[in-house]
N, C-alpha and C. Protein backbone atom coordinates (compact mmCIF):
# COMPACT_ATOMS: atom_id res chain seq x y z
N MET A 1 8.40 19.42 8.40
CA MET A 1 8.01 19.71 7.02
C MET A 1 6.75 18.92 6.69
N GLU A 2 5.74 19.63 6.15
CA GLU A 2 4.51 18.96 5.75
C GLU A 2 4.68 18.32 4.38
N ILE A 3 4.11 17.16 4.19
CA ILE A 3 4.04 16.53 2.88
C ILE A 3 2.56 16.35 2.54
N PRO A 4 1.95 17.37 1.92
CA PRO A 4 0.53 17.28 1.59
C PRO A 4 0.30 16.44 0.34
N LEU A 5 -0.88 15.85 0.27
CA LEU A 5 -1.28 15.06 -0.89
C LEU A 5 -2.36 15.79 -1.66
N LYS A 6 -2.35 15.61 -2.98
CA LYS A 6 -3.20 16.37 -3.90
C LYS A 6 -2.89 17.86 -3.82
N ALA A 7 -1.64 18.18 -3.55
CA ALA A 7 -1.20 19.57 -3.47
C ALA A 7 -0.51 19.98 -4.77
N GLN A 8 -0.49 21.28 -5.04
CA GLN A 8 0.20 21.78 -6.22
C GLN A 8 1.70 21.60 -6.09
N VAL A 9 2.33 21.10 -7.14
CA VAL A 9 3.78 20.87 -7.14
C VAL A 9 4.43 21.80 -8.15
N SER A 10 5.43 22.56 -7.69
CA SER A 10 6.14 23.49 -8.56
C SER A 10 7.60 23.11 -8.67
N CYS A 11 8.13 23.26 -9.88
CA CYS A 11 9.56 23.11 -10.11
C CYS A 11 10.20 24.50 -10.09
N THR A 12 11.50 24.56 -10.31
CA THR A 12 12.19 25.85 -10.28
C THR A 12 11.75 26.77 -11.42
N ASP A 13 11.13 26.19 -12.47
CA ASP A 13 10.68 26.99 -13.61
C ASP A 13 9.17 26.97 -13.79
N GLY A 14 8.44 26.74 -12.70
CA GLY A 14 6.99 26.87 -12.78
C GLY A 14 6.22 25.67 -12.25
N VAL A 15 4.89 25.82 -12.23
CA VAL A 15 4.00 24.77 -11.72
C VAL A 15 4.03 23.59 -12.68
N TYR A 16 4.12 22.37 -12.12
CA TYR A 16 4.18 21.18 -12.96
C TYR A 16 2.92 20.31 -12.83
N GLY A 17 2.47 20.09 -11.60
CA GLY A 17 1.33 19.18 -11.43
C GLY A 17 0.89 19.11 -9.99
N ARG A 18 0.51 17.91 -9.56
CA ARG A 18 0.02 17.72 -8.20
C ARG A 18 0.62 16.45 -7.61
N SER A 19 0.69 16.41 -6.28
CA SER A 19 1.19 15.22 -5.59
C SER A 19 0.08 14.18 -5.52
N ALA A 20 0.34 12.99 -6.06
CA ALA A 20 -0.70 11.96 -6.13
C ALA A 20 -0.56 10.92 -5.02
N TYR A 21 0.67 10.52 -4.71
CA TYR A 21 0.94 9.51 -3.70
C TYR A 21 2.22 9.89 -2.96
N VAL A 22 2.40 9.29 -1.80
CA VAL A 22 3.73 9.20 -1.20
C VAL A 22 4.09 7.72 -1.16
N LEU A 23 5.36 7.42 -1.37
CA LEU A 23 5.85 6.06 -1.21
C LEU A 23 6.53 6.00 0.14
N MET A 24 6.09 5.08 0.97
CA MET A 24 6.64 5.03 2.33
C MET A 24 7.07 3.62 2.69
N ASN A 25 8.10 3.58 3.52
CA ASN A 25 8.58 2.32 4.08
C ASN A 25 7.94 2.18 5.46
N PRO A 26 6.94 1.30 5.62
CA PRO A 26 6.23 1.21 6.89
C PRO A 26 7.07 0.63 8.02
N VAL A 27 8.15 -0.05 7.69
CA VAL A 27 9.02 -0.61 8.73
C VAL A 27 9.90 0.48 9.32
N LEU A 28 10.44 1.34 8.45
CA LEU A 28 11.33 2.42 8.89
C LEU A 28 10.58 3.71 9.21
N ASP A 29 9.25 3.72 8.99
CA ASP A 29 8.47 4.93 9.19
C ASP A 29 9.09 6.09 8.42
N GLN A 30 9.32 5.85 7.13
CA GLN A 30 10.04 6.82 6.32
C GLN A 30 9.36 7.00 4.98
N ILE A 31 9.18 8.25 4.58
CA ILE A 31 8.71 8.56 3.23
C ILE A 31 9.93 8.67 2.33
N THR A 32 9.94 7.90 1.27
CA THR A 32 11.10 7.85 0.38
C THR A 32 10.91 8.67 -0.89
N HIS A 33 9.69 8.73 -1.39
CA HIS A 33 9.43 9.41 -2.66
C HIS A 33 8.03 10.04 -2.67
N LEU A 34 7.87 11.02 -3.55
CA LEU A 34 6.56 11.53 -3.94
C LEU A 34 6.24 11.00 -5.33
N VAL A 35 4.97 10.85 -5.61
CA VAL A 35 4.55 10.61 -6.99
C VAL A 35 3.85 11.88 -7.46
N VAL A 36 4.41 12.50 -8.50
CA VAL A 36 3.89 13.77 -9.01
C VAL A 36 3.21 13.53 -10.35
N LYS A 37 1.96 13.97 -10.43
CA LYS A 37 1.17 13.79 -11.65
C LYS A 37 1.14 15.10 -12.43
N ALA A 38 1.52 15.04 -13.71
CA ALA A 38 1.57 16.24 -14.54
C ALA A 38 0.17 16.80 -14.78
N ASP A 39 0.09 18.13 -14.85
CA ASP A 39 -1.19 18.77 -15.13
C ASP A 39 -1.62 18.60 -16.58
N VAL A 40 -0.65 18.47 -17.48
CA VAL A 40 -0.97 18.42 -18.91
C VAL A 40 -1.03 16.97 -19.38
N SER A 41 -1.84 16.75 -20.41
CA SER A 41 -1.99 15.42 -21.00
C SER A 41 -0.64 14.95 -21.54
N PRO A 42 -0.29 13.66 -21.38
CA PRO A 42 -1.11 12.54 -20.91
C PRO A 42 -1.11 12.33 -19.40
N HIS A 43 -0.78 13.37 -18.63
CA HIS A 43 -0.84 13.32 -17.16
C HIS A 43 0.05 12.20 -16.59
N THR A 44 1.27 12.14 -17.10
CA THR A 44 2.22 11.14 -16.63
C THR A 44 2.57 11.36 -15.17
N GLU A 45 2.75 10.28 -14.42
CA GLU A 45 3.14 10.34 -13.02
C GLU A 45 4.61 9.95 -12.89
N PHE A 46 5.39 10.77 -12.17
CA PHE A 46 6.81 10.52 -12.00
C PHE A 46 7.15 10.31 -10.53
N ILE A 47 8.14 9.46 -10.28
CA ILE A 47 8.60 9.18 -8.92
C ILE A 47 9.72 10.15 -8.57
N VAL A 48 9.49 10.98 -7.55
CA VAL A 48 10.43 12.04 -7.17
C VAL A 48 11.00 11.73 -5.79
N PRO A 49 12.32 11.60 -5.65
CA PRO A 49 12.92 11.37 -4.33
C PRO A 49 12.55 12.47 -3.35
N ILE A 50 12.34 12.13 -2.11
CA ILE A 50 11.91 13.10 -1.11
C ILE A 50 12.96 14.19 -0.89
N ASN A 51 14.23 13.87 -1.15
CA ASN A 51 15.27 14.88 -0.93
C ASN A 51 15.28 15.98 -2.00
N VAL A 52 14.42 15.85 -3.01
CA VAL A 52 14.30 16.89 -4.02
C VAL A 52 13.32 17.98 -3.56
N VAL A 53 12.54 17.68 -2.53
CA VAL A 53 11.59 18.67 -1.99
C VAL A 53 12.37 19.76 -1.25
N SER A 54 12.13 21.01 -1.63
CA SER A 54 12.85 22.12 -1.00
C SER A 54 12.01 22.86 0.03
N ALA A 55 10.68 22.91 -0.17
CA ALA A 55 9.80 23.62 0.76
C ALA A 55 8.37 23.15 0.54
N THR A 56 7.56 23.25 1.58
CA THR A 56 6.15 22.88 1.47
C THR A 56 5.28 23.79 2.33
N THR A 57 4.00 23.86 1.96
CA THR A 57 2.97 24.44 2.81
C THR A 57 1.84 23.42 2.84
N ALA A 58 0.71 23.78 3.41
CA ALA A 58 -0.42 22.86 3.45
C ALA A 58 -0.98 22.56 2.07
N ASP A 59 -0.72 23.43 1.10
CA ASP A 59 -1.31 23.26 -0.23
C ASP A 59 -0.30 23.21 -1.37
N THR A 60 0.99 23.37 -1.08
CA THR A 60 1.99 23.42 -2.15
C THR A 60 3.24 22.65 -1.77
N ILE A 61 3.91 22.17 -2.81
CA ILE A 61 5.22 21.52 -2.66
C ILE A 61 6.15 22.13 -3.70
N GLU A 62 7.32 22.55 -3.27
CA GLU A 62 8.32 23.11 -4.18
C GLU A 62 9.47 22.12 -4.32
N LEU A 63 9.88 21.89 -5.56
CA LEU A 63 10.98 20.98 -5.85
C LEU A 63 12.20 21.77 -6.31
N GLN A 64 13.36 21.29 -5.94
CA GLN A 64 14.61 21.94 -6.36
C GLN A 64 15.13 21.29 -7.64
N CYS A 65 14.26 21.23 -8.65
CA CYS A 65 14.65 20.71 -9.96
C CYS A 65 13.77 21.36 -11.01
N SER A 66 14.21 21.35 -12.25
CA SER A 66 13.42 21.91 -13.34
C SER A 66 12.38 20.90 -13.82
N LYS A 67 11.45 21.36 -14.65
CA LYS A 67 10.45 20.47 -15.23
C LYS A 67 11.13 19.40 -16.10
N ALA A 68 12.14 19.82 -16.84
CA ALA A 68 12.84 18.87 -17.72
C ALA A 68 13.54 17.79 -16.89
N ALA A 69 14.13 18.19 -15.76
CA ALA A 69 14.80 17.21 -14.90
C ALA A 69 13.78 16.25 -14.28
N LEU A 70 12.61 16.77 -13.91
CA LEU A 70 11.58 15.91 -13.34
C LEU A 70 11.15 14.85 -14.35
N GLU A 71 11.00 15.25 -15.59
CA GLU A 71 10.52 14.32 -16.61
C GLU A 71 11.57 13.28 -17.01
N LYS A 72 12.78 13.42 -16.49
CA LYS A 72 13.80 12.38 -16.70
C LYS A 72 13.79 11.34 -15.58
N MET A 73 12.96 11.60 -14.54
CA MET A 73 12.85 10.65 -13.44
C MET A 73 11.97 9.47 -13.86
N ASN A 74 11.99 8.42 -13.07
CA ASN A 74 11.27 7.20 -13.43
C ASN A 74 9.76 7.41 -13.38
N PRO A 75 9.04 6.91 -14.39
CA PRO A 75 7.57 6.98 -14.33
C PRO A 75 7.04 6.04 -13.26
N PHE A 76 5.93 6.44 -12.65
CA PHE A 76 5.30 5.62 -11.61
C PHE A 76 4.60 4.41 -12.22
N VAL A 77 4.05 4.60 -13.40
CA VAL A 77 3.34 3.51 -14.09
C VAL A 77 4.08 3.16 -15.36
N GLN A 78 4.39 1.89 -15.52
CA GLN A 78 5.01 1.40 -16.75
C GLN A 78 4.04 0.43 -17.42
N THR A 79 3.92 0.57 -18.72
CA THR A 79 2.99 -0.27 -19.48
C THR A 79 3.75 -1.37 -20.19
N ARG A 80 3.29 -2.59 -20.01
CA ARG A 80 3.83 -3.73 -20.76
C ARG A 80 2.67 -4.39 -21.50
N PHE A 81 3.01 -5.21 -22.49
CA PHE A 81 1.98 -5.85 -23.29
C PHE A 81 2.11 -7.37 -23.17
N ILE A 82 0.97 -8.00 -23.00
CA ILE A 82 0.94 -9.46 -22.99
C ILE A 82 0.06 -9.93 -24.15
N GLU A 83 0.34 -11.10 -24.63
CA GLU A 83 -0.43 -11.64 -25.74
C GLU A 83 -1.49 -12.61 -25.22
N GLU A 84 -2.70 -12.45 -25.70
CA GLU A 84 -3.79 -13.33 -25.33
C GLU A 84 -4.49 -13.82 -26.59
N PRO A 85 -4.93 -15.08 -26.59
CA PRO A 85 -5.61 -15.60 -27.77
C PRO A 85 -7.02 -15.04 -27.89
N VAL A 86 -7.45 -14.84 -29.13
CA VAL A 86 -8.83 -14.42 -29.40
C VAL A 86 -9.60 -15.67 -29.80
N THR A 87 -10.53 -16.10 -28.96
CA THR A 87 -11.28 -17.33 -29.23
C THR A 87 -12.62 -17.05 -29.89
N GLU A 88 -13.25 -15.91 -29.53
CA GLU A 88 -14.51 -15.54 -30.16
C GLU A 88 -14.50 -14.06 -30.42
N GLN A 89 -15.09 -13.69 -31.55
CA GLN A 89 -15.11 -12.28 -31.90
C GLN A 89 -16.39 -11.99 -32.63
N LEU A 90 -17.11 -11.00 -32.18
CA LEU A 90 -18.33 -10.59 -32.87
C LEU A 90 -17.95 -9.58 -33.93
N LEU A 91 -18.16 -9.96 -35.20
CA LEU A 91 -17.79 -9.09 -36.30
C LEU A 91 -18.74 -7.91 -36.40
N PRO A 92 -18.26 -6.76 -36.88
CA PRO A 92 -19.14 -5.60 -37.03
C PRO A 92 -20.29 -5.92 -37.98
N GLY A 93 -21.48 -5.43 -37.68
CA GLY A 93 -22.62 -5.69 -38.54
C GLY A 93 -23.82 -4.90 -38.13
N SER A 94 -24.98 -5.25 -38.67
CA SER A 94 -26.22 -4.56 -38.34
C SER A 94 -26.78 -5.11 -37.05
N TYR A 95 -27.75 -4.40 -36.49
CA TYR A 95 -28.34 -4.79 -35.23
C TYR A 95 -29.85 -4.92 -35.38
N GLY A 96 -30.46 -5.73 -34.54
CA GLY A 96 -31.91 -5.84 -34.52
C GLY A 96 -32.40 -7.15 -35.08
N LEU A 97 -33.70 -7.23 -35.27
CA LEU A 97 -34.33 -8.43 -35.78
C LEU A 97 -35.12 -8.07 -37.04
N GLY A 98 -35.78 -9.07 -37.62
CA GLY A 98 -36.59 -8.81 -38.81
C GLY A 98 -35.72 -8.51 -39.99
N SER A 99 -35.79 -7.25 -40.44
CA SER A 99 -35.01 -6.86 -41.61
C SER A 99 -33.55 -6.57 -41.27
N TYR A 100 -33.19 -6.71 -39.96
CA TYR A 100 -31.80 -6.50 -39.53
C TYR A 100 -31.17 -7.85 -39.24
N TYR A 101 -29.88 -7.94 -39.37
CA TYR A 101 -29.19 -9.21 -39.20
C TYR A 101 -27.99 -9.05 -38.29
N TYR A 102 -27.72 -10.08 -37.54
CA TYR A 102 -26.51 -10.16 -36.71
C TYR A 102 -25.46 -10.96 -37.44
N TRP A 103 -24.22 -10.47 -37.40
CA TRP A 103 -23.11 -11.30 -37.88
C TRP A 103 -22.87 -12.42 -36.88
N PRO A 104 -22.53 -13.59 -37.33
CA PRO A 104 -22.29 -14.72 -36.40
C PRO A 104 -20.95 -14.58 -35.69
N TYR A 105 -20.84 -15.27 -34.56
CA TYR A 105 -19.53 -15.40 -33.91
C TYR A 105 -18.64 -16.28 -34.76
N VAL A 106 -17.38 -15.95 -34.79
CA VAL A 106 -16.44 -16.75 -35.56
C VAL A 106 -15.27 -17.11 -34.68
N SER A 107 -14.69 -18.26 -34.90
CA SER A 107 -13.51 -18.69 -34.15
C SER A 107 -12.25 -18.12 -34.79
N SER A 108 -11.24 -17.88 -33.95
CA SER A 108 -9.99 -17.34 -34.46
C SER A 108 -8.86 -17.80 -33.57
N GLU A 109 -7.72 -18.04 -34.14
CA GLU A 109 -6.54 -18.41 -33.37
C GLU A 109 -5.56 -17.25 -33.30
N LYS A 110 -6.01 -16.09 -33.67
CA LYS A 110 -5.13 -14.93 -33.65
C LYS A 110 -4.83 -14.52 -32.21
N MET A 111 -3.70 -13.85 -32.05
CA MET A 111 -3.30 -13.34 -30.75
C MET A 111 -3.42 -11.81 -30.78
N ILE A 112 -3.86 -11.26 -29.67
CA ILE A 112 -3.91 -9.81 -29.56
C ILE A 112 -2.99 -9.37 -28.42
N ARG A 113 -2.48 -8.15 -28.53
CA ARG A 113 -1.62 -7.60 -27.49
C ARG A 113 -2.48 -6.75 -26.55
N VAL A 114 -2.43 -7.09 -25.27
CA VAL A 114 -3.24 -6.41 -24.27
C VAL A 114 -2.32 -5.61 -23.35
N PRO A 115 -2.58 -4.29 -23.18
CA PRO A 115 -1.72 -3.49 -22.30
C PRO A 115 -2.01 -3.77 -20.83
N VAL A 116 -0.95 -3.87 -20.04
CA VAL A 116 -1.05 -4.05 -18.59
C VAL A 116 -0.21 -2.97 -17.92
N GLU A 117 -0.79 -2.24 -16.99
CA GLU A 117 -0.07 -1.17 -16.31
C GLU A 117 0.45 -1.65 -14.96
N ASP A 118 1.74 -1.45 -14.72
CA ASP A 118 2.38 -1.85 -13.46
C ASP A 118 2.86 -0.61 -12.72
N ARG A 119 2.47 -0.47 -11.45
CA ARG A 119 2.98 0.63 -10.63
C ARG A 119 4.35 0.25 -10.08
N GLN A 120 5.29 1.17 -10.19
CA GLN A 120 6.68 0.91 -9.82
C GLN A 120 6.91 1.27 -8.35
N ILE A 121 6.51 0.37 -7.46
CA ILE A 121 6.65 0.58 -6.02
C ILE A 121 7.83 -0.25 -5.53
N PRO A 122 8.83 0.36 -4.90
CA PRO A 122 9.98 -0.41 -4.41
C PRO A 122 9.55 -1.52 -3.46
N LEU A 123 10.31 -2.61 -3.47
CA LEU A 123 10.01 -3.75 -2.63
C LEU A 123 9.98 -3.34 -1.16
N GLY A 124 8.94 -3.75 -0.46
CA GLY A 124 8.81 -3.45 0.96
C GLY A 124 8.16 -2.12 1.26
N GLU A 125 7.80 -1.35 0.21
CA GLU A 125 7.16 -0.06 0.43
C GLU A 125 5.71 -0.09 -0.04
N VAL A 126 4.95 0.92 0.36
CA VAL A 126 3.55 1.03 -0.05
C VAL A 126 3.31 2.43 -0.60
N ALA A 127 2.34 2.54 -1.50
CA ALA A 127 1.93 3.82 -2.05
C ALA A 127 0.68 4.28 -1.31
N VAL A 128 0.76 5.44 -0.69
CA VAL A 128 -0.35 5.95 0.11
C VAL A 128 -0.85 7.23 -0.54
N GLN A 129 -2.17 7.33 -0.73
CA GLN A 129 -2.75 8.53 -1.30
C GLN A 129 -3.66 9.23 -0.31
N ARG A 130 -3.96 10.48 -0.60
CA ARG A 130 -4.86 11.26 0.25
C ARG A 130 -6.24 10.61 0.23
N GLY A 131 -6.83 10.46 1.39
CA GLY A 131 -8.14 9.82 1.48
C GLY A 131 -8.07 8.35 1.84
N THR A 132 -6.85 7.80 2.01
CA THR A 132 -6.73 6.40 2.44
C THR A 132 -7.42 6.23 3.80
N ARG A 133 -8.15 5.16 3.94
CA ARG A 133 -8.93 4.88 5.15
C ARG A 133 -8.03 4.65 6.36
N VAL A 134 -8.41 5.21 7.52
CA VAL A 134 -7.68 5.02 8.77
C VAL A 134 -8.58 4.29 9.76
N GLU A 135 -8.06 3.23 10.35
CA GLU A 135 -8.82 2.42 11.30
C GLU A 135 -8.16 2.46 12.67
N ALA A 136 -8.97 2.72 13.72
CA ALA A 136 -8.52 2.54 15.10
C ALA A 136 -8.68 1.06 15.45
N THR A 137 -8.29 0.70 16.66
CA THR A 137 -8.43 -0.70 17.06
C THR A 137 -9.89 -1.12 17.15
N ASP A 138 -10.79 -0.12 17.26
CA ASP A 138 -12.21 -0.45 17.36
C ASP A 138 -13.03 0.14 16.22
N GLY A 139 -12.39 0.34 15.05
CA GLY A 139 -13.17 0.72 13.88
C GLY A 139 -12.67 1.95 13.15
N TYR A 140 -13.42 2.34 12.13
CA TYR A 140 -13.07 3.45 11.25
C TYR A 140 -13.08 4.78 12.00
N VAL A 141 -12.06 5.63 11.72
CA VAL A 141 -12.00 6.93 12.37
C VAL A 141 -11.79 8.10 11.41
N GLY A 142 -11.31 7.88 10.21
CA GLY A 142 -11.10 9.00 9.31
C GLY A 142 -10.27 8.63 8.10
N LYS A 143 -9.68 9.67 7.46
CA LYS A 143 -8.90 9.49 6.25
C LYS A 143 -7.60 10.27 6.34
N ILE A 144 -6.59 9.76 5.65
CA ILE A 144 -5.28 10.43 5.63
C ILE A 144 -5.38 11.75 4.88
N ASP A 145 -4.78 12.80 5.46
CA ASP A 145 -4.75 14.10 4.81
C ASP A 145 -3.33 14.45 4.36
N GLU A 146 -2.36 14.32 5.28
CA GLU A 146 -0.97 14.61 4.93
C GLU A 146 -0.05 14.02 6.00
N PHE A 147 1.27 14.18 5.79
CA PHE A 147 2.27 13.69 6.73
C PHE A 147 3.16 14.85 7.17
N LEU A 148 3.68 14.74 8.39
CA LEU A 148 4.74 15.61 8.85
C LEU A 148 6.01 14.78 8.90
N VAL A 149 7.07 15.27 8.25
CA VAL A 149 8.29 14.48 8.17
C VAL A 149 9.48 15.35 8.53
N SER A 150 10.55 14.69 8.89
CA SER A 150 11.82 15.37 9.14
C SER A 150 12.46 15.72 7.80
N PRO A 151 12.93 16.96 7.60
CA PRO A 151 13.59 17.30 6.34
C PRO A 151 14.83 16.45 6.08
N GLN A 152 15.45 15.95 7.12
CA GLN A 152 16.63 15.09 6.97
C GLN A 152 16.19 13.63 6.99
N GLY A 153 16.17 13.02 5.83
CA GLY A 153 15.90 11.59 5.76
C GLY A 153 14.46 11.21 5.52
N GLY A 154 13.53 12.15 5.64
CA GLY A 154 12.14 11.85 5.35
C GLY A 154 11.43 10.98 6.36
N HIS A 155 11.95 10.91 7.59
CA HIS A 155 11.30 10.09 8.61
C HIS A 155 10.01 10.77 9.08
N ILE A 156 8.94 10.00 9.15
CA ILE A 156 7.64 10.52 9.53
C ILE A 156 7.61 10.78 11.03
N SER A 157 7.12 11.96 11.41
CA SER A 157 6.92 12.25 12.84
C SER A 157 5.45 12.15 13.21
N HIS A 158 4.58 12.59 12.29
CA HIS A 158 3.15 12.58 12.57
C HIS A 158 2.36 12.35 11.27
N LEU A 159 1.19 11.80 11.44
CA LEU A 159 0.19 11.70 10.39
C LEU A 159 -0.91 12.71 10.70
N ILE A 160 -1.30 13.50 9.71
CA ILE A 160 -2.45 14.39 9.88
C ILE A 160 -3.65 13.67 9.30
N MET A 161 -4.63 13.39 10.14
CA MET A 161 -5.80 12.63 9.74
C MET A 161 -7.03 13.52 9.82
N ARG A 162 -7.84 13.49 8.77
CA ARG A 162 -9.12 14.16 8.83
C ARG A 162 -10.12 13.18 9.41
N GLU A 163 -10.71 13.54 10.54
CA GLU A 163 -11.65 12.65 11.20
C GLU A 163 -12.96 12.57 10.43
N GLY A 164 -13.65 11.47 10.64
CA GLY A 164 -14.94 11.27 10.01
C GLY A 164 -16.08 11.86 10.82
N HIS A 165 -17.26 11.32 10.60
CA HIS A 165 -18.47 11.91 11.15
C HIS A 165 -18.59 11.74 12.66
N LEU A 166 -17.76 10.87 13.25
CA LEU A 166 -17.94 10.60 14.68
C LEU A 166 -17.73 11.85 15.53
N TRP A 167 -16.75 12.69 15.16
CA TRP A 167 -16.47 13.90 15.94
C TRP A 167 -16.59 15.16 15.09
N GLY A 168 -17.23 15.04 13.97
CA GLY A 168 -17.29 16.18 13.07
C GLY A 168 -16.02 16.27 12.24
N GLN A 169 -16.00 17.19 11.30
CA GLN A 169 -14.84 17.32 10.42
C GLN A 169 -13.77 18.17 11.10
N LYS A 170 -12.70 17.52 11.51
CA LYS A 170 -11.56 18.22 12.09
C LYS A 170 -10.32 17.39 11.82
N ASP A 171 -9.16 18.02 11.92
CA ASP A 171 -7.90 17.31 11.70
C ASP A 171 -7.28 16.93 13.03
N VAL A 172 -6.69 15.75 13.06
CA VAL A 172 -6.05 15.24 14.26
C VAL A 172 -4.63 14.85 13.94
N THR A 173 -3.70 15.23 14.80
CA THR A 173 -2.30 14.89 14.62
C THR A 173 -2.00 13.58 15.33
N ILE A 174 -1.62 12.56 14.55
CA ILE A 174 -1.35 11.22 15.09
C ILE A 174 0.16 11.01 15.18
N PRO A 175 0.71 10.75 16.35
CA PRO A 175 2.17 10.48 16.44
C PRO A 175 2.52 9.19 15.73
N ILE A 176 3.72 9.13 15.20
CA ILE A 176 4.13 7.97 14.43
C ILE A 176 4.10 6.70 15.26
N SER A 177 4.29 6.82 16.55
CA SER A 177 4.27 5.64 17.42
C SER A 177 2.91 4.96 17.44
N ALA A 178 1.87 5.67 17.03
CA ALA A 178 0.52 5.11 17.04
C ALA A 178 0.16 4.41 15.74
N ILE A 179 1.03 4.53 14.73
CA ILE A 179 0.74 3.93 13.43
C ILE A 179 1.18 2.47 13.42
N GLY A 180 0.24 1.60 13.08
CA GLY A 180 0.53 0.18 13.02
C GLY A 180 0.68 -0.29 11.59
N LYS A 181 0.06 -1.40 11.26
CA LYS A 181 0.15 -1.99 9.93
C LYS A 181 -0.43 -1.04 8.89
N THR A 182 0.27 -0.91 7.77
CA THR A 182 -0.18 -0.03 6.70
C THR A 182 -0.09 -0.75 5.37
N ASP A 183 -1.15 -0.63 4.58
CA ASP A 183 -1.09 -1.10 3.20
C ASP A 183 -1.73 -0.03 2.32
N GLU A 184 -1.97 -0.34 1.07
CA GLU A 184 -2.47 0.68 0.15
C GLU A 184 -3.95 0.98 0.35
N GLU A 185 -4.63 0.18 1.13
CA GLU A 185 -6.06 0.37 1.35
C GLU A 185 -6.36 0.98 2.71
N ILE A 186 -5.63 0.56 3.75
CA ILE A 186 -5.96 0.95 5.12
C ILE A 186 -4.68 1.21 5.91
N MET A 187 -4.71 2.27 6.73
CA MET A 187 -3.67 2.49 7.73
C MET A 187 -4.29 2.20 9.10
N HIS A 188 -3.68 1.29 9.83
CA HIS A 188 -4.18 0.90 11.14
C HIS A 188 -3.45 1.66 12.23
N LEU A 189 -4.18 2.09 13.26
CA LEU A 189 -3.61 2.77 14.40
C LEU A 189 -3.68 1.88 15.63
N ASN A 190 -2.70 2.03 16.51
CA ASN A 190 -2.68 1.27 17.76
C ASN A 190 -3.38 2.06 18.87
N LEU A 191 -4.48 2.71 18.52
CA LEU A 191 -5.24 3.53 19.45
C LEU A 191 -6.73 3.23 19.32
N THR A 192 -7.47 3.47 20.38
CA THR A 192 -8.92 3.36 20.32
C THR A 192 -9.51 4.68 19.86
N LYS A 193 -10.78 4.69 19.54
CA LYS A 193 -11.47 5.93 19.16
C LYS A 193 -11.42 6.94 20.31
N HIS A 194 -11.58 6.47 21.51
CA HIS A 194 -11.55 7.37 22.67
C HIS A 194 -10.18 8.02 22.83
N GLN A 195 -9.11 7.26 22.63
CA GLN A 195 -7.76 7.82 22.73
C GLN A 195 -7.52 8.85 21.62
N ILE A 196 -8.02 8.58 20.42
CA ILE A 196 -7.84 9.51 19.31
C ILE A 196 -8.59 10.81 19.59
N GLU A 197 -9.74 10.72 20.22
CA GLU A 197 -10.54 11.90 20.51
C GLU A 197 -9.80 12.90 21.39
N SER A 198 -8.87 12.42 22.20
CA SER A 198 -8.15 13.31 23.12
C SER A 198 -6.87 13.86 22.51
N LEU A 199 -6.53 13.49 21.27
CA LEU A 199 -5.31 13.98 20.63
C LEU A 199 -5.48 15.44 20.19
N PRO A 200 -4.37 16.17 19.99
CA PRO A 200 -4.45 17.57 19.54
C PRO A 200 -5.16 17.68 18.19
N THR A 201 -5.89 18.76 18.00
CA THR A 201 -6.57 19.01 16.73
C THR A 201 -6.13 20.34 16.15
N VAL A 202 -6.29 20.45 14.85
CA VAL A 202 -6.04 21.72 14.17
C VAL A 202 -7.25 22.04 13.30
N PRO A 203 -7.54 23.33 13.05
CA PRO A 203 -8.73 23.67 12.27
C PRO A 203 -8.64 23.12 10.84
N VAL A 204 -9.76 22.74 10.29
CA VAL A 204 -9.82 22.30 8.90
C VAL A 204 -10.09 23.53 8.04
N ASN A 205 -9.05 24.05 7.41
CA ASN A 205 -9.23 25.23 6.56
C ASN A 205 -8.46 25.06 5.26
N ARG A 206 -8.30 23.80 4.85
CA ARG A 206 -7.53 23.52 3.66
C ARG A 206 -8.42 22.96 2.57
N ARG A 207 -7.81 22.39 1.54
CA ARG A 207 -8.55 21.88 0.40
C ARG A 207 -9.41 20.69 0.81
N TRP A 208 -10.41 20.41 0.02
CA TRP A 208 -11.31 19.28 0.25
C TRP A 208 -11.37 18.44 -1.02
N PHE A 209 -11.91 17.24 -0.88
CA PHE A 209 -12.08 16.38 -2.05
C PHE A 209 -13.08 17.02 -3.01
């Protein structure tokens, strides 16, 4: 089963949004959740368990739940507020010199509430998005396009990587055994560029950035 990123996501009662991230456990080589971003404002992102996925293609993901059920799932981003002191504040006023005047800075001991957004990533997992950089043992080789996973349990079998300029634009299927350390910025492979060049390729005929 393909798990494409930035793909259209449909519920049982219609199109809802697009896949923004996958949440994966790099130790177990397992995708646990999708992050689905709503098409309509305020474009809330929800965490969807991988077992809710019923079918996929290279460009679409179908969920076995309604839109209402999806919106009852946990949001990917939660906003909290922290209080910070206001030490200096430029009051509204006129601008310029000569016949224009600046209001002076004034001191204040007031506190303001500042919003902070926290991504809800389970402990030990990472959020991976389409376009994440992929590095071979000897340097950059391309970007993540999608994953191939087992329908039972969400275990990753292969990574589909879009290669960079070194070999032209083509997709390469990377076996899970070649995937090393992964974080939210870079996925490392236990292969050299030469070894990657000999891996199977598939035509690039899908969506682009």
